[in-house]
Amino acid sequence: MHRTTLTVSYDSVRTATIVERSVGVEVGDIEGDRTEARIDREGATVTVDVTASDLVALRAGQNTWLSLVEVAERVAGL
């Protein structure tokens, strides 16, 4: 298995909570046979752990979750 951790820090807990809740609803819905993800928040930091069976799937998973975080940030006005 291959794994990566994406960590994003924000200026406030409120912003991190908005991003976490926005992206968190996708966990379980987007995952395929080769990847899975977990989202956590501690204070103003959001962490996305992506695990995949191969490097191609890991790269695709990273791109997907980074895009979701970016959309959440745009919607939140960041």
PDB file of N, CA and C in Angstrom:
ATOM      1  N   MET A   1       0.839  -1.185   0.000  1.00  0.00           N
ATOM      2  CA  MET A   1       0.000   0.000   0.000  1.00  0.00           C
ATOM      3  C   MET A   1       0.883   1.248   0.000  1.00  0.00           C
ATOM      4  N   HIS A   2       0.354   2.277  -0.604  1.00  0.00           N
ATOM      5  CA  HIS A   2       1.024   3.574  -0.665  1.00  0.00           C
ATOM      6  C   HIS A   2       0.137   4.590   0.038  1.00  0.00           C
ATOM      7  N   ARG A   3       0.777   5.578   0.653  1.00  0.00           N
ATOM      8  CA  ARG A   3       0.006   6.536   1.448  1.00  0.00           C
ATOM      9  C   ARG A   3       0.617   7.921   1.357  1.00  0.00           C
ATOM     10  N   THR A   4      -0.255   8.915   1.386  1.00  0.00           N
ATOM     11  CA  THR A   4       0.199  10.297   1.471  1.00  0.00           C
ATOM     12  C   THR A   4      -0.720  11.053   2.419  1.00  0.00           C
ATOM     13  N   THR A   5      -0.170  12.072   3.039  1.00  0.00           N
ATOM     14  CA  THR A   5      -0.944  12.916   3.933  1.00  0.00           C
ATOM     15  C   THR A   5      -0.877  14.350   3.427  1.00  0.00           C
ATOM     16  N   LEU A   6      -2.043  14.926   3.206  1.00  0.00           N
ATOM     17  CA  LEU A   6      -2.161  16.320   2.772  1.00  0.00           C
ATOM     18  C   LEU A   6      -2.576  17.135   3.986  1.00  0.00           C
ATOM     19  N   THR A   7      -1.807  18.151   4.335  1.00  0.00           N
ATOM     20  CA  THR A   7      -2.091  18.961   5.509  1.00  0.00           C
ATOM     21  C   THR A   7      -2.253  20.412   5.084  1.00  0.00           C
ATOM     22  N   VAL A   8      -3.383  21.006   5.480  1.00  0.00           N
ATOM     23  CA  VAL A   8      -3.663  22.397   5.129  1.00  0.00           C
ATOM     24  C   VAL A   8      -4.005  23.147   6.412  1.00  0.00           C
ATOM     25  N   SER A   9      -3.297  24.243   6.661  1.00  0.00           N
ATOM     26  CA  SER A   9      -3.552  25.059   7.849  1.00  0.00           C
ATOM     27  C   SER A   9      -4.248  26.350   7.447  1.00  0.00           C
ATOM     28  N   TYR A  10      -5.185  26.775   8.280  1.00  0.00           N
ATOM     29  CA  TYR A  10      -5.978  27.975   8.016  1.00  0.00           C
ATOM     30  C   TYR A  10      -5.782  28.986   9.139  1.00  0.00           C
ATOM     31  N   ASP A  11      -6.276  30.200   8.898  1.00  0.00           N
ATOM     32  CA  ASP A  11      -6.153  31.268   9.888  1.00  0.00           C
ATOM     33  C   ASP A  11      -7.092  31.082  11.071  1.00  0.00           C
ATOM     34  N   SER A  12      -8.147  30.288  10.877  1.00  0.00           N
ATOM     35  CA  SER A  12      -9.109  30.129  11.972  1.00  0.00           C
ATOM     36  C   SER A  12      -9.668  28.708  12.007  1.00  0.00           C
ATOM     37  N   VAL A  13     -10.125  28.333  13.175  1.00  0.00           N
ATOM     38  CA  VAL A  13     -10.785  27.040  13.358  1.00  0.00           C
ATOM     39  C   VAL A  13     -12.077  27.005  12.548  1.00  0.00           C
ATOM     40  N   ARG A  14     -12.758  28.133  12.482  1.00  0.00           N
ATOM     41  CA  ARG A  14     -14.023  28.199  11.734  1.00  0.00           C
ATOM     42  C   ARG A  14     -13.812  27.839  10.263  1.00  0.00           C
ATOM     43  N   THR A  15     -12.787  28.399   9.649  1.00  0.00           N
ATOM     44  CA  THR A  15     -12.490  28.113   8.248  1.00  0.00           C
ATOM     45  C   THR A  15     -12.128  26.647   8.065  1.00  0.00           C
ATOM     46  N   ALA A  16     -11.285  26.122   8.934  1.00  0.00           N
ATOM     47  CA  ALA A  16     -10.905  24.711   8.848  1.00  0.00           C
ATOM     48  C   ALA A  16     -12.120  23.804   8.999  1.00  0.00           C
ATOM     49  N   THR A  17     -13.039  24.177   9.864  1.00  0.00           N
ATOM     50  CA  THR A  17     -14.254  23.390  10.069  1.00  0.00           C
ATOM     51  C   THR A  17     -15.123  23.393   8.812  1.00  0.00           C
ATOM     52  N   ILE A  18     -15.237  24.548   8.166  1.00  0.00           N
ATOM     53  CA  ILE A  18     -16.016  24.645   6.928  1.00  0.00           C
ATOM     54  C   ILE A  18     -15.426  23.727   5.862  1.00  0.00           C
ATOM     55  N   VAL A  19     -14.106  23.773   5.695  1.00  0.00           N
ATOM     56  CA  VAL A  19     -13.448  22.936   4.686  1.00  0.00           C
ATOM     57  C   VAL A  19     -13.604  21.460   5.040  1.00  0.00           C
ATOM     58  N   GLU A  20     -13.367  21.125   6.296  1.00  0.00           N
ATOM     59  CA  GLU A  20     -13.474  19.721   6.717  1.00  0.00           C
ATOM     60  C   GLU A  20     -14.877  19.176   6.468  1.00  0.00           C
ATOM     61  N   ARG A  21     -15.887  19.923   6.841  1.00  0.00           N
ATOM     62  CA  ARG A  21     -17.269  19.456   6.671  1.00  0.00           C
ATOM     63  C   ARG A  21     -17.671  19.389   5.209  1.00  0.00           C
ATOM     64  N   SER A  22     -17.183  20.335   4.419  1.00  0.00           N
ATOM     65  CA  SER A  22     -17.502  20.339   2.989  1.00  0.00           C
ATOM     66  C   SER A  22     -16.888  19.149   2.268  1.00  0.00           C
ATOM     67  N   VAL A  23     -15.641  18.874   2.570  1.00  0.00           N
ATOM     68  CA  VAL A  23     -14.925  17.787   1.898  1.00  0.00           C
ATOM     69  C   VAL A  23     -15.259  16.432   2.525  1.00  0.00           C
ATOM     70  N   GLY A  24     -15.496  16.437   3.813  1.00  0.00           N
ATOM     71  CA  GLY A  24     -15.746  15.186   4.531  1.00  0.00           C
ATOM     72  C   GLY A  24     -16.945  14.403   4.043  1.00  0.00           C
ATOM     73  N   VAL A  25     -17.941  15.089   3.498  1.00  0.00           N
ATOM     74  CA  VAL A  25     -19.128  14.365   3.014  1.00  0.00           C
ATOM     75  C   VAL A  25     -18.799  13.478   1.821  1.00  0.00           C
ATOM     76  N   GLU A  26     -17.672  13.711   1.178  1.00  0.00           N
ATOM     77  CA  GLU A  26     -17.281  12.922   0.012  1.00  0.00           C
ATOM     78  C   GLU A  26     -16.569  11.619   0.380  1.00  0.00           C
ATOM     79  N   VAL A  27     -16.093  11.517   1.615  1.00  0.00           N
ATOM     80  CA  VAL A  27     -15.411  10.292   2.036  1.00  0.00           C
ATOM     81  C   VAL A  27     -16.398   9.126   1.936  1.00  0.00           C
ATOM     82  N   GLY A  28     -15.966   8.075   1.296  1.00  0.00           N
ATOM     83  CA  GLY A  28     -16.830   6.917   1.108  1.00  0.00           C
ATOM     84  C   GLY A  28     -17.579   6.951  -0.211  1.00  0.00           C
ATOM     85  N   ASP A  29     -17.860   8.149  -0.718  1.00  0.00           N
ATOM     86  CA  ASP A  29     -18.567   8.259  -1.995  1.00  0.00           C
ATOM     87  C   ASP A  29     -17.616   8.264  -3.179  1.00  0.00           C
ATOM     88  N   ILE A  30     -16.435   8.816  -3.009  1.00  0.00           N
ATOM     89  CA  ILE A  30     -15.493   8.954  -4.119  1.00  0.00           C
ATOM     90  C   ILE A  30     -14.527   7.784  -4.194  1.00  0.00           C
ATOM     91  N   GLU A  31     -14.270   7.165  -3.101  1.00  0.00           N
ATOM     92  CA  GLU A  31     -13.262   6.110  -3.067  1.00  0.00           C
ATOM     93  C   GLU A  31     -13.597   5.007  -4.059  1.00  0.00           C
ATOM     94  N   GLY A  32     -12.561   4.489  -4.698  1.00  0.00           N
ATOM     95  CA  GLY A  32     -12.737   3.389  -5.628  1.00  0.00           C
ATOM     96  C   GLY A  32     -12.188   2.108  -5.038  1.00  0.00           C
ATOM     97  N   ASP A  33     -11.949   1.152  -5.900  1.00  0.00           N
ATOM     98  CA  ASP A  33     -11.406  -0.129  -5.454  1.00  0.00           C
ATOM     99  C   ASP A  33      -9.949  -0.018  -5.037  1.00  0.00           C
ATOM    100  N   ARG A  34      -9.268   1.040  -5.528  1.00  0.00           N
ATOM    101  CA  ARG A  34      -7.836   1.135  -5.305  1.00  0.00           C
ATOM    102  C   ARG A  34      -7.430   2.234  -4.343  1.00  0.00           C
ATOM    103  N   THR A  35      -8.354   3.107  -3.940  1.00  0.00           N
ATOM    104  CA  THR A  35      -8.002   4.186  -3.012  1.00  0.00           C
ATOM    105  C   THR A  35      -9.048   4.348  -1.921  1.00  0.00           C
ATOM    106  N   GLU A  36      -8.603   4.924  -0.832  1.00  0.00           N
ATOM    107  CA  GLU A  36      -9.520   5.350   0.227  1.00  0.00           C
ATOM    108  C   GLU A  36      -8.920   6.562   0.906  1.00  0.00           C
ATOM    109  N   ALA A  37      -9.776   7.324   1.554  1.00  0.00           N
ATOM    110  CA  ALA A  37      -9.318   8.556   2.195  1.00  0.00           C
ATOM    111  C   ALA A  37      -9.975   8.725   3.562  1.00  0.00           C
ATOM    112  N   ARG A  38      -9.304   9.500   4.384  1.00  0.00           N
ATOM    113  CA  ARG A  38      -9.816   9.851   5.704  1.00  0.00           C
ATOM    114  C   ARG A  38      -9.499  11.320   5.941  1.00  0.00           C
ATOM    115  N   ILE A  39     -10.445  12.046   6.517  1.00  0.00           N
ATOM    116  CA  ILE A  39     -10.259  13.474   6.782  1.00  0.00           C
ATOM    117  C   ILE A  39     -10.379  13.721   8.277  1.00  0.00           C
ATOM    118  N   ASP A  40      -9.441  14.499   8.801  1.00  0.00           N
ATOM    119  CA  ASP A  40      -9.457  14.878  10.208  1.00  0.00           C
ATOM    120  C   ASP A  40      -9.186  16.376  10.303  1.00  0.00           C
ATOM    121  N   ARG A  41      -9.607  16.941  11.417  1.00  0.00           N
ATOM    122  CA  ARG A  41      -9.302  18.345  11.698  1.00  0.00           C
ATOM    123  C   ARG A  41      -8.861  18.450  13.140  1.00  0.00           C
ATOM    124  N   GLU A  42      -7.774  19.160  13.354  1.00  0.00           N
ATOM    125  CA  GLU A  42      -7.321  19.473  14.703  1.00  0.00           C
ATOM    126  C   GLU A  42      -7.080  20.970  14.740  1.00  0.00           C
ATOM    127  N   GLY A  43      -7.946  21.666  15.448  1.00  0.00           N
ATOM    128  CA  GLY A  43      -7.842  23.118  15.483  1.00  0.00           C
ATOM    129  C   GLY A  43      -8.058  23.699  14.106  1.00  0.00           C
ATOM    130  N   ALA A  44      -7.102  24.492  13.649  1.00  0.00           N
ATOM    131  CA  ALA A  44      -7.215  25.160  12.348  1.00  0.00           C
ATOM    132  C   ALA A  44      -6.498  24.403  11.234  1.00  0.00           C
ATOM    133  N   THR A  45      -6.214  23.122  11.464  1.00  0.00           N
ATOM    134  CA  THR A  45      -5.509  22.308  10.475  1.00  0.00           C
ATOM    135  C   THR A  45      -6.371  21.135  10.030  1.00  0.00           C
ATOM    136  N   VAL A  46      -6.490  20.985   8.717  1.00  0.00           N
ATOM    137  CA  VAL A  46      -7.233  19.872   8.118  1.00  0.00           C
ATOM    138  C   VAL A  46      -6.216  18.910   7.515  1.00  0.00           C
ATOM    139  N   THR A  47      -6.407  17.627   7.783  1.00  0.00           N
ATOM    140  CA  THR A  47      -5.519  16.596   7.265  1.00  0.00           C
ATOM    141  C   THR A  47      -6.333  15.602   6.448  1.00  0.00           C
ATOM    142  N   VAL A  48      -5.843  15.307   5.247  1.00  0.00           N
ATOM    143  CA  VAL A  48      -6.467  14.301   4.393  1.00  0.00           C
ATOM    144  C   VAL A  48      -5.441  13.193   4.176  1.00  0.00           C
ATOM    145  N   ASP A  49      -5.764  11.991   4.630  1.00  0.00           N
ATOM    146  CA  ASP A  49      -4.902  10.826   4.422  1.00  0.00           C
ATOM    147  C   ASP A  49      -5.461  10.027   3.262  1.00  0.00           C
ATOM    148  N   VAL A  50      -4.638   9.814   2.244  1.00  0.00           N
ATOM    149  CA  VAL A  50      -5.039   9.047   1.074  1.00  0.00           C
ATOM    150  C   VAL A  50      -4.189   7.785   1.029  1.00  0.00           C
ATOM    151  N   THR A  51      -4.852   6.636   0.917  1.00  0.00           N
ATOM    152  CA  THR A  51      -4.168   5.354   0.816  1.00  0.00           C
ATOM    153  C   THR A  51      -4.578   4.704  -0.497  1.00  0.00           C
ATOM    154  N   ALA A  52      -3.602   4.108  -1.182  1.00  0.00           N
ATOM    155  CA  ALA A  52      -3.887   3.494  -2.476  1.00  0.00           C
ATOM    156  C   ALA A  52      -3.067   2.225  -2.661  1.00  0.00           C
ATOM    157  N   SER A  53      -3.569   1.369  -3.522  1.00  0.00           N
ATOM    158  CA  SER A  53      -2.893   0.099  -3.774  1.00  0.00           C
ATOM    159  C   SER A  53      -1.706   0.247  -4.723  1.00  0.00           C
ATOM    160  N   ASP A  54      -1.676   1.331  -5.512  1.00  0.00           N
ATOM    161  CA  ASP A  54      -0.567   1.549  -6.440  1.00  0.00           C
ATOM    162  C   ASP A  54      -0.325   3.053  -6.596  1.00  0.00           C
ATOM    163  N   LEU A  55       0.803   3.402  -7.180  1.00  0.00           N
ATOM    164  CA  LEU A  55       1.190   4.805  -7.277  1.00  0.00           C
ATOM    165  C   LEU A  55       0.302   5.610  -8.224  1.00  0.00           C
ATOM    166  N   VAL A  56      -0.201   4.998  -9.274  1.00  0.00           N
ATOM    167  CA  VAL A  56      -1.097   5.706 -10.191  1.00  0.00           C
ATOM    168  C   VAL A  56      -2.380   6.092  -9.460  1.00  0.00           C
ATOM    169  N   ALA A  57      -2.920   5.162  -8.702  1.00  0.00           N
ATOM    170  CA  ALA A  57      -4.134   5.443  -7.929  1.00  0.00           C
ATOM    171  C   ALA A  57      -3.862   6.486  -6.850  1.00  0.00           C
ATOM    172  N   LEU A  58      -2.678   6.454  -6.253  1.00  0.00           N
ATOM    173  CA  LEU A  58      -2.328   7.437  -5.230  1.00  0.00           C
ATOM    174  C   LEU A  58      -2.286   8.843  -5.826  1.00  0.00           C
ATOM    175  N   ARG A  59      -1.670   8.978  -6.986  1.00  0.00           N
ATOM    176  CA  ARG A  59      -1.611  10.286  -7.648  1.00  0.00           C
ATOM    177  C   ARG A  59      -3.008  10.780  -7.992  1.00  0.00           C
ATOM    178  N   ALA A  60      -3.840   9.898  -8.502  1.00  0.00           N
ATOM    179  CA  ALA A  60      -5.217  10.280  -8.824  1.00  0.00           C
ATOM    180  C   ALA A  60      -5.976  10.688  -7.566  1.00  0.00           C
ATOM    181  N   GLY A  61      -5.769   9.956  -6.485  1.00  0.00           N
ATOM    182  CA  GLY A  61      -6.420  10.292  -5.224  1.00  0.00           C
ATOM    183  C   GLY A  61      -5.965  11.636  -4.688  1.00  0.00           C
ATOM    184  N   GLN A  62      -4.680  11.910  -4.773  1.00  0.00           N
ATOM    185  CA  GLN A  62      -4.157  13.206  -4.343  1.00  0.00           C
ATOM    186  C   GLN A  62      -4.800  14.336  -5.139  1.00  0.00           C
ATOM    187  N   ASN A  63      -4.845  14.166  -6.449  1.00  0.00           N
ATOM    188  CA  ASN A  63      -5.441  15.199  -7.299  1.00  0.00           C
ATOM    189  C   ASN A  63      -6.910  15.426  -6.957  1.00  0.00           C
ATOM    190  N   THR A  64      -7.637  14.345  -6.750  1.00  0.00           N
ATOM    191  CA  THR A  64      -9.060  14.455  -6.417  1.00  0.00           C
ATOM    192  C   THR A  64      -9.269  15.215  -5.119  1.00  0.00           C
ATOM    193  N   TRP A  65      -8.572  14.819  -4.060  1.00  0.00           N
ATOM    194  CA  TRP A  65      -8.794  15.430  -2.751  1.00  0.00           C
ATOM    195  C   TRP A  65      -8.262  16.851  -2.683  1.00  0.00           C
ATOM    196  N   LEU A  66      -7.170  17.137  -3.368  1.00  0.00           N
ATOM    197  CA  LEU A  66      -6.686  18.524  -3.413  1.00  0.00           C
ATOM    198  C   LEU A  66      -7.682  19.413  -4.158  1.00  0.00           C
ATOM    199  N   SER A  67      -8.274  18.885  -5.212  1.00  0.00           N
ATOM    200  CA  SER A  67      -9.290  19.648  -5.944  1.00  0.00           C
ATOM    201  C   SER A  67     -10.512  19.911  -5.070  1.00  0.00           C
ATOM    202  N   LEU A  68     -10.928  18.918  -4.307  1.00  0.00           N
ATOM    203  CA  LEU A  68     -12.081  19.107  -3.419  1.00  0.00           C
ATOM    204  C   LEU A  68     -11.789  20.153  -2.348  1.00  0.00           C
ATOM    205  N   VAL A  69     -10.594  20.132  -1.795  1.00  0.00           N
ATOM    206  CA  VAL A  69     -10.213  21.143  -0.799  1.00  0.00           C
ATOM    207  C   VAL A  69     -10.207  22.531  -1.449  1.00  0.00           C
ATOM    208  N   GLU A  70      -9.672  22.615  -2.655  1.00  0.00           N
ATOM    209  CA  GLU A  70      -9.627  23.900  -3.353  1.00  0.00           C
ATOM    210  C   GLU A  70     -11.038  24.448  -3.614  1.00  0.00           C
ATOM    211  N   VAL A  71     -11.951  23.588  -4.026  1.00  0.00           N
ATOM    212  CA  VAL A  71     -13.340  24.025  -4.262  1.00  0.00           C
ATOM    213  C   VAL A  71     -13.972  24.493  -2.955  1.00  0.00           C
ATOM    214  N   ALA A  72     -13.763  23.761  -1.877  1.00  0.00           N
ATOM    215  CA  ALA A  72     -14.305  24.140  -0.577  1.00  0.00           C
ATOM    216  C   ALA A  72     -13.771  25.510  -0.151  1.00  0.00           C
ATOM    217  N   GLU A  73     -12.492  25.736  -0.399  1.00  0.00           N
ATOM    218  CA  GLU A  73     -11.878  27.034  -0.051  1.00  0.00           C
ATOM    219  C   GLU A  73     -12.508  28.163  -0.876  1.00  0.00           C
ATOM    220  N   ARG A  74     -12.699  27.926  -2.164  1.00  0.00           N
ATOM    221  CA  ARG A  74     -13.303  28.952  -3.018  1.00  0.00           C
ATOM    222  C   ARG A  74     -14.721  29.270  -2.582  1.00  0.00           C
ATOM    223  N   VAL A  75     -15.485  28.240  -2.265  1.00  0.00           N
ATOM    224  CA  VAL A  75     -16.866  28.448  -1.829  1.00  0.00           C
ATOM    225  C   VAL A  75     -16.895  29.195  -0.512  1.00  0.00           C
ATOM    226  N   ALA A  76     -15.911  28.930   0.352  1.00  0.00           N
ATOM    227  CA  ALA A  76     -15.838  29.625   1.644  1.00  0.00           C
ATOM    228  C   ALA A  76     -15.301  31.042   1.503  1.00  0.00           C
ATOM    229  N   GLY A  77     -14.897  31.411   0.288  1.00  0.00           N
ATOM    230  CA  GLY A  77     -14.406  32.760   0.063  1.00  0.00           C
ATOM    231  C   GLY A  77     -12.953  32.968   0.406  1.00  0.00           C
ATOM    232  N   LEU A  78     -12.165  31.926   0.374  1.00  0.00           N
ATOM    233  CA  LEU A  78     -10.729  32.045   0.716  1.00  0.00           C
ATOM    234  C   LEU A  78      -9.907  32.360  -0.502  1.00  0.00           C
TER     235      LEU A  78
END
